[in-house]
Amino acid sequence: MDSIEYYDKNAVEYFERTVDINMQNWWDLFTEQLPEGASVLDLGCGSGRDSAYFISCGYDVTAMDASEEMCDLASIHIGQDVLHLSFAEMDFNEVFDGIWACASLLHVPSDEIDTILSKVINSLKINGVLFMSFRYGEYEGERDGRYYTDYRTKTLKELIGRYENLEIIDLDKCEDVVDKNNSEWLFALVRRIELE
């Protein structure tokens, strides 16, 4: 079973488990970098939890997920359509002021991440920001019915460093907001800069 199948089969349970998680610290970190009325892409929106918050802030939110079942639930939750697209299918060009990829790009295998991250960066306007989070560690493979690629601080910095048009605003470890004993996470906030 691949990750998309997992979310299709477990959509209701996953929705109920994640929709009320408070991400305020990370929302604040992200939104502090956005202009008023910013266009935001919620990449792998899951339950729509974060989209709902960004909509409440007055942002122009595009929510997107590869799981059709999650799209349906998120659409009801946020009161607007959710794009049913995989990372590979996305094709935006300098559209968004901010992209929120919370616990979504972690499902991309390491041999595909450069292709996908290039698409994500291309979707950002110049000076746009990207938030992304991953489980902290070195594991890559299936875990709990989904494919994961974990990152350590060094490997995430190396990944970001492969893109001359990205600068790091913040990169740090944090506790799991659901289960503080469960695992550590790694997040990065980066900005797309104009190359001379």
C-alpha atoms as a PDB file:
ATOM      1  CA  MET A   1       0.000   0.000   0.000  1.00  0.00           C
ATOM      2  CA  ASP A   2       1.405   3.408  -0.900  1.00  0.00           C
ATOM      3  CA  SER A   3       0.913   6.574   1.137  1.00  0.00           C
ATOM      4  CA  ILE A   4      -2.006   7.852  -0.953  1.00  0.00           C
ATOM      5  CA  GLU A   5      -3.842   4.537  -0.555  1.00  0.00           C
ATOM      6  CA  TYR A   6      -3.247   4.740   3.193  1.00  0.00           C
ATOM      7  CA  TYR A   7      -4.905   8.154   3.412  1.00  0.00           C
ATOM      8  CA  ASP A   8      -7.784   7.069   1.189  1.00  0.00           C
ATOM      9  CA  LYS A   9      -8.464   4.046   3.399  1.00  0.00           C
ATOM     10  CA  ASN A  10      -7.931   5.840   6.731  1.00  0.00           C
ATOM     11  CA  ALA A  11      -9.250   9.303   5.842  1.00  0.00           C
ATOM     12  CA  VAL A  12     -11.938   9.619   8.513  1.00  0.00           C
ATOM     13  CA  GLU A  13      -9.711   8.354  11.329  1.00  0.00           C
ATOM     14  CA  TYR A  14      -6.814  10.558  10.210  1.00  0.00           C
ATOM     15  CA  PHE A  15      -9.113  13.575   9.878  1.00  0.00           C
ATOM     16  CA  GLU A  16     -10.479  13.140  13.404  1.00  0.00           C
ATOM     17  CA  ARG A  17      -6.998  12.601  14.858  1.00  0.00           C
ATOM     18  CA  THR A  18      -5.400  15.669  13.282  1.00  0.00           C
ATOM     19  CA  VAL A  19      -8.060  18.321  12.607  1.00  0.00           C
ATOM     20  CA  ASP A  20      -7.879  19.937  16.054  1.00  0.00           C
ATOM     21  CA  ILE A  21      -4.112  19.905  16.608  1.00  0.00           C
ATOM     22  CA  ASN A  22      -2.902  23.375  17.580  1.00  0.00           C
ATOM     23  CA  MET A  23      -0.003  24.436  15.345  1.00  0.00           C
ATOM     24  CA  GLN A  24       0.029  28.064  16.525  1.00  0.00           C
ATOM     25  CA  ASN A  25       3.812  28.347  17.007  1.00  0.00           C
ATOM     26  CA  TRP A  26       4.476  27.206  13.461  1.00  0.00           C
ATOM     27  CA  TRP A  27       1.541  29.110  11.980  1.00  0.00           C
ATOM     28  CA  ASP A  28       2.971  32.281  13.547  1.00  0.00           C
ATOM     29  CA  LEU A  29       6.474  31.548  12.268  1.00  0.00           C
ATOM     30  CA  PHE A  30       5.087  31.155   8.745  1.00  0.00           C
ATOM     31  CA  THR A  31       2.531  33.987   8.680  1.00  0.00           C
ATOM     32  CA  GLU A  32       5.010  36.539  10.065  1.00  0.00           C
ATOM     33  CA  GLN A  33       6.738  36.282   6.676  1.00  0.00           C
ATOM     34  CA  LEU A  34       3.582  36.792   4.591  1.00  0.00           C
ATOM     35  CA  PRO A  35       2.093  40.007   3.214  1.00  0.00           C
ATOM     36  CA  GLU A  36      -1.501  40.906   4.025  1.00  0.00           C
ATOM     37  CA  GLY A  37      -3.952  38.928   1.871  1.00  0.00           C
ATOM     38  CA  ALA A  38      -1.180  36.571   0.748  1.00  0.00           C
ATOM     39  CA  SER A  39      -1.785  33.679  -1.628  1.00  0.00           C
ATOM     40  CA  VAL A  40      -1.006  30.445   0.220  1.00  0.00           C
ATOM     41  CA  LEU A  41      -0.739  26.856  -1.012  1.00  0.00           C
ATOM     42  CA  ASP A  42      -1.435  24.185   1.605  1.00  0.00           C
ATOM     43  CA  LEU A  43       0.570  21.342   0.057  1.00  0.00           C
ATOM     44  CA  GLY A  44      -0.797  18.006   1.209  1.00  0.00           C
ATOM     45  CA  CYS A  45      -3.520  19.655   3.253  1.00  0.00           C
ATOM     46  CA  GLY A  46      -4.805  16.484   4.935  1.00  0.00           C
ATOM     47  CA  SER A  47      -7.745  17.397   7.167  1.00  0.00           C
ATOM     48  CA  GLY A  48      -7.663  21.031   6.066  1.00  0.00           C
ATOM     49  CA  ARG A  49      -6.757  22.119   9.602  1.00  0.00           C
ATOM     50  CA  ASP A  50      -4.045  24.550   8.507  1.00  0.00           C
ATOM     51  CA  SER A  51      -6.017  25.809   5.501  1.00  0.00           C
ATOM     52  CA  ALA A  52      -8.892  26.681   7.828  1.00  0.00           C
ATOM     53  CA  TYR A  53      -6.554  28.729  10.004  1.00  0.00           C
ATOM     54  CA  PHE A  54      -4.993  30.544   7.047  1.00  0.00           C
ATOM     55  CA  ILE A  55      -8.443  31.313   5.618  1.00  0.00           C
ATOM     56  CA  SER A  56      -9.405  32.785   9.007  1.00  0.00           C
ATOM     57  CA  CYS A  57      -6.361  35.071   8.698  1.00  0.00           C
ATOM     58  CA  GLY A  58      -7.704  36.471   5.425  1.00  0.00           C
ATOM     59  CA  TYR A  59      -5.285  34.710   3.106  1.00  0.00           C
ATOM     60  CA  ASP A  60      -6.211  33.473  -0.366  1.00  0.00           C
ATOM     61  CA  VAL A  61      -5.761  29.742   0.261  1.00  0.00           C
ATOM     62  CA  THR A  62      -5.374  26.950  -2.274  1.00  0.00           C
ATOM     63  CA  ALA A  63      -5.600  23.549  -0.575  1.00  0.00           C
ATOM     64  CA  MET A  64      -4.252  20.475  -2.343  1.00  0.00           C
ATOM     65  CA  ASP A  65      -3.947  16.781  -1.512  1.00  0.00           C
ATOM     66  CA  ALA A  66      -3.200  13.572  -3.434  1.00  0.00           C
ATOM     67  CA  SER A  67      -5.809  11.563  -1.519  1.00  0.00           C
ATOM     68  CA  GLU A  68      -9.280  11.965  -2.990  1.00  0.00           C
ATOM     69  CA  GLU A  69     -10.911  10.968   0.301  1.00  0.00           C
ATOM     70  CA  MET A  70      -8.899  13.562   2.232  1.00  0.00           C
ATOM     71  CA  CYS A  71      -9.820  16.186  -0.388  1.00  0.00           C
ATOM     72  CA  ASP A  72     -13.512  15.477   0.176  1.00  0.00           C
ATOM     73  CA  LEU A  73     -13.262  15.760   3.977  1.00  0.00           C
ATOM     74  CA  ALA A  74     -11.025  18.836   3.881  1.00  0.00           C
ATOM     75  CA  SER A  75     -13.314  20.545   1.373  1.00  0.00           C
ATOM     76  CA  ILE A  76     -16.275  20.188   3.748  1.00  0.00           C
ATOM     77  CA  HIS A  77     -14.142  21.410   6.660  1.00  0.00           C
ATOM     78  CA  ILE A  78     -12.819  24.559   4.961  1.00  0.00           C
ATOM     79  CA  GLY A  79     -15.891  25.350   2.872  1.00  0.00           C
ATOM     80  CA  GLN A  80     -14.118  25.453  -0.482  1.00  0.00           C
ATOM     81  CA  ASP A  81     -12.861  23.062  -3.148  1.00  0.00           C
ATOM     82  CA  VAL A  82      -9.610  21.208  -2.581  1.00  0.00           C
ATOM     83  CA  LEU A  83      -7.385  20.377  -5.554  1.00  0.00           C
ATOM     84  CA  HIS A  84      -6.939  16.624  -6.032  1.00  0.00           C
ATOM     85  CA  LEU A  85      -3.313  16.631  -7.207  1.00  0.00           C
ATOM     86  CA  SER A  86      -0.146  14.744  -6.407  1.00  0.00           C
ATOM     87  CA  PHE A  87       3.172  16.553  -5.990  1.00  0.00           C
ATOM     88  CA  ALA A  88       4.268  15.227  -9.386  1.00  0.00           C
ATOM     89  CA  GLU A  89       1.137  16.636 -11.063  1.00  0.00           C
ATOM     90  CA  MET A  90       1.427  20.161  -9.689  1.00  0.00           C
ATOM     91  CA  ASP A  91       2.405  22.796 -12.239  1.00  0.00           C
ATOM     92  CA  PHE A  92       2.347  26.327 -10.855  1.00  0.00           C
ATOM     93  CA  ASN A  93       4.667  29.147 -11.863  1.00  0.00           C
ATOM     94  CA  GLU A  94       5.378  31.942  -9.346  1.00  0.00           C
ATOM     95  CA  VAL A  95       1.817  31.872  -8.005  1.00  0.00           C
ATOM     96  CA  PHE A  96       2.126  31.797  -4.209  1.00  0.00           C
ATOM     97  CA  ASP A  97       3.470  34.113  -1.502  1.00  0.00           C
ATOM     98  CA  GLY A  98       3.697  31.138   0.824  1.00  0.00           C
ATOM     99  CA  ILE A  99       3.647  27.350   0.636  1.00  0.00           C
ATOM    100  CA  TRP A 100       2.846  25.297   3.724  1.00  0.00           C
ATOM    101  CA  ALA A 101       4.155  21.725   3.478  1.00  0.00           C
ATOM    102  CA  CYS A 102       3.562  20.448   6.990  1.00  0.00           C
ATOM    103  CA  ALA A 103       4.318  16.715   7.265  1.00  0.00           C
ATOM    104  CA  SER A 104       3.686  16.184   3.559  1.00  0.00           C
ATOM    105  CA  LEU A 105       7.009  16.234   1.680  1.00  0.00           C
ATOM    106  CA  LEU A 106       8.225  13.610   4.166  1.00  0.00           C
ATOM    107  CA  HIS A 107       6.408  11.026   2.029  1.00  0.00           C
ATOM    108  CA  VAL A 108       8.640  11.766  -0.996  1.00  0.00           C
ATOM    109  CA  PRO A 109      11.450   9.226  -1.552  1.00  0.00           C
ATOM    110  CA  SER A 110      14.949  10.719  -1.400  1.00  0.00           C
ATOM    111  CA  ASP A 111      15.589   9.911  -5.072  1.00  0.00           C
ATOM    112  CA  GLU A 112      12.537  11.983  -6.077  1.00  0.00           C
ATOM    113  CA  ILE A 113      12.787  14.927  -3.674  1.00  0.00           C
ATOM    114  CA  ASP A 114      14.898  17.139  -5.969  1.00  0.00           C
ATOM    115  CA  THR A 115      12.338  16.924  -8.770  1.00  0.00           C
ATOM    116  CA  ILE A 116       9.425  17.594  -6.417  1.00  0.00           C
ATOM    117  CA  LEU A 117      11.139  20.380  -4.474  1.00  0.00           C
ATOM    118  CA  SER A 118      12.001  22.107  -7.768  1.00  0.00           C
ATOM    119  CA  LYS A 119       8.272  22.122  -8.619  1.00  0.00           C
ATOM    120  CA  VAL A 120       7.445  23.515  -5.175  1.00  0.00           C
ATOM    121  CA  ILE A 121      10.051  26.287  -5.413  1.00  0.00           C
ATOM    122  CA  ASN A 122       8.877  27.159  -8.925  1.00  0.00           C
ATOM    123  CA  SER A 123       5.375  27.626  -7.491  1.00  0.00           C
ATOM    124  CA  LEU A 124       6.622  30.388  -5.174  1.00  0.00           C
ATOM    125  CA  LYS A 125       6.797  34.038  -6.126  1.00  0.00           C
ATOM    126  CA  ILE A 126      10.182  35.681  -5.709  1.00  0.00           C
ATOM    127  CA  ASN A 127      10.536  36.421  -1.952  1.00  0.00           C
ATOM    128  CA  GLY A 128       7.855  33.814  -1.222  1.00  0.00           C
ATOM    129  CA  VAL A 129       8.381  31.485   1.726  1.00  0.00           C
ATOM    130  CA  LEU A 130       8.127  27.714   2.155  1.00  0.00           C
ATOM    131  CA  PHE A 131       7.527  25.913   5.443  1.00  0.00           C
ATOM    132  CA  MET A 132       8.266  22.189   5.470  1.00  0.00           C
ATOM    133  CA  SER A 133       8.524  19.635   8.245  1.00  0.00           C
ATOM    134  CA  PHE A 134       9.900  16.118   8.486  1.00  0.00           C
ATOM    135  CA  ARG A 135      10.435  13.453  11.122  1.00  0.00           C
ATOM    136  CA  TYR A 136      13.932  13.744  12.563  1.00  0.00           C
ATOM    137  CA  GLY A 137      16.221  10.788  11.884  1.00  0.00           C
ATOM    138  CA  GLU A 138      17.861   8.735   9.146  1.00  0.00           C
ATOM    139  CA  TYR A 139      15.138   6.211   8.317  1.00  0.00           C
ATOM    140  CA  GLU A 140      13.733   5.826   4.817  1.00  0.00           C
ATOM    141  CA  GLY A 141      11.051   3.304   3.926  1.00  0.00           C
ATOM    142  CA  GLU A 142       7.583   2.179   4.934  1.00  0.00           C
ATOM    143  CA  ARG A 143       6.334   2.927   8.427  1.00  0.00           C
ATOM    144  CA  ASP A 144       2.725   2.464   9.582  1.00  0.00           C
ATOM    145  CA  GLY A 145       1.517   1.857   6.024  1.00  0.00           C
ATOM    146  CA  ARG A 146       3.141   4.989   4.571  1.00  0.00           C
ATOM    147  CA  TYR A 147       6.494   5.800   2.962  1.00  0.00           C
ATOM    148  CA  TYR A 148       8.710   8.161   4.931  1.00  0.00           C
ATOM    149  CA  THR A 149      12.020   9.888   4.346  1.00  0.00           C
ATOM    150  CA  ASP A 150      13.409  11.244   7.609  1.00  0.00           C
ATOM    151  CA  TYR A 151      16.021  13.998   7.745  1.00  0.00           C
ATOM    152  CA  ARG A 152      18.693  15.107  10.143  1.00  0.00           C
ATOM    153  CA  THR A 153      19.639  18.778  10.380  1.00  0.00           C
ATOM    154  CA  LYS A 154      22.735  18.227   8.207  1.00  0.00           C
ATOM    155  CA  THR A 155      20.885  16.346   5.449  1.00  0.00           C
ATOM    156  CA  LEU A 156      18.063  18.893   5.312  1.00  0.00           C
ATOM    157  CA  LYS A 157      20.576  21.748   5.093  1.00  0.00           C
ATOM    158  CA  GLU A 158      22.343  19.882   2.303  1.00  0.00           C
ATOM    159  CA  LEU A 159      19.046  19.437   0.437  1.00  0.00           C
ATOM    160  CA  ILE A 160      18.186  23.123   0.711  1.00  0.00           C
ATOM    161  CA  GLY A 161      21.755  24.048  -0.191  1.00  0.00           C
ATOM    162  CA  ARG A 162      21.364  22.400  -3.591  1.00  0.00           C
ATOM    163  CA  TYR A 163      19.111  25.316  -4.587  1.00  0.00           C
ATOM    164  CA  GLU A 164      20.904  28.617  -5.113  1.00  0.00           C
ATOM    165  CA  ASN A 165      17.580  30.436  -5.069  1.00  0.00           C
ATOM    166  CA  LEU A 166      16.711  29.392  -1.504  1.00  0.00           C
ATOM    167  CA  GLU A 167      17.835  31.040   1.708  1.00  0.00           C
ATOM    168  CA  ILE A 168      17.147  29.610   5.148  1.00  0.00           C
ATOM    169  CA  ILE A 169      15.125  31.798   7.512  1.00  0.00           C
ATOM    170  CA  ASP A 170      14.845  29.186  10.263  1.00  0.00           C
ATOM    171  CA  LEU A 171      15.702  25.507  10.645  1.00  0.00           C
ATOM    172  CA  ASP A 172      15.317  23.673  13.934  1.00  0.00           C
ATOM    173  CA  LYS A 173      14.183  20.549  15.757  1.00  0.00           C
ATOM    174  CA  CYS A 174      10.949  20.428  17.709  1.00  0.00           C
ATOM    175  CA  GLU A 175       8.855  17.979  19.722  1.00  0.00           C
ATOM    176  CA  ASP A 176       5.914  16.118  18.246  1.00  0.00           C
ATOM    177  CA  VAL A 177       2.890  18.303  19.072  1.00  0.00           C
ATOM    178  CA  VAL A 178       0.635  15.238  19.444  1.00  0.00           C
ATOM    179  CA  ASP A 179       2.885  12.873  21.370  1.00  0.00           C
ATOM    180  CA  LYS A 180       5.877  14.529  23.023  1.00  0.00           C
ATOM    181  CA  ASN A 181       7.394  11.102  23.749  1.00  0.00           C
ATOM    182  CA  ASN A 182       6.877   9.840  20.238  1.00  0.00           C
ATOM    183  CA  SER A 183       9.407  11.518  17.989  1.00  0.00           C
ATOM    184  CA  GLU A 184      11.312  14.647  17.180  1.00  0.00           C
ATOM    185  CA  TRP A 185      10.562  16.689  14.109  1.00  0.00           C
ATOM    186  CA  LEU A 186      12.663  18.952  11.958  1.00  0.00           C
ATOM    187  CA  PHE A 187      11.256  22.026  10.286  1.00  0.00           C
ATOM    188  CA  ALA A 188      12.643  24.552   7.836  1.00  0.00           C
ATOM    189  CA  LEU A 189      11.375  27.936   6.761  1.00  0.00           C
ATOM    190  CA  VAL A 190      13.043  29.112   3.558  1.00  0.00           C
ATOM    191  CA  ARG A 191      12.667  32.012   1.156  1.00  0.00           C
ATOM    192  CA  ARG A 192      12.908  32.000  -2.619  1.00  0.00           C
ATOM    193  CA  ILE A 193      15.331  34.731  -3.657  1.00  0.00           C
ATOM    194  CA  GLU A 194      15.994  36.267  -7.046  1.00  0.00           C
ATOM    195  CA  LEU A 195      19.191  35.134  -8.672  1.00  0.00           C
ATOM    196  CA  GLU A 196      21.268  37.848 -10.308  1.00  0.00           C
END
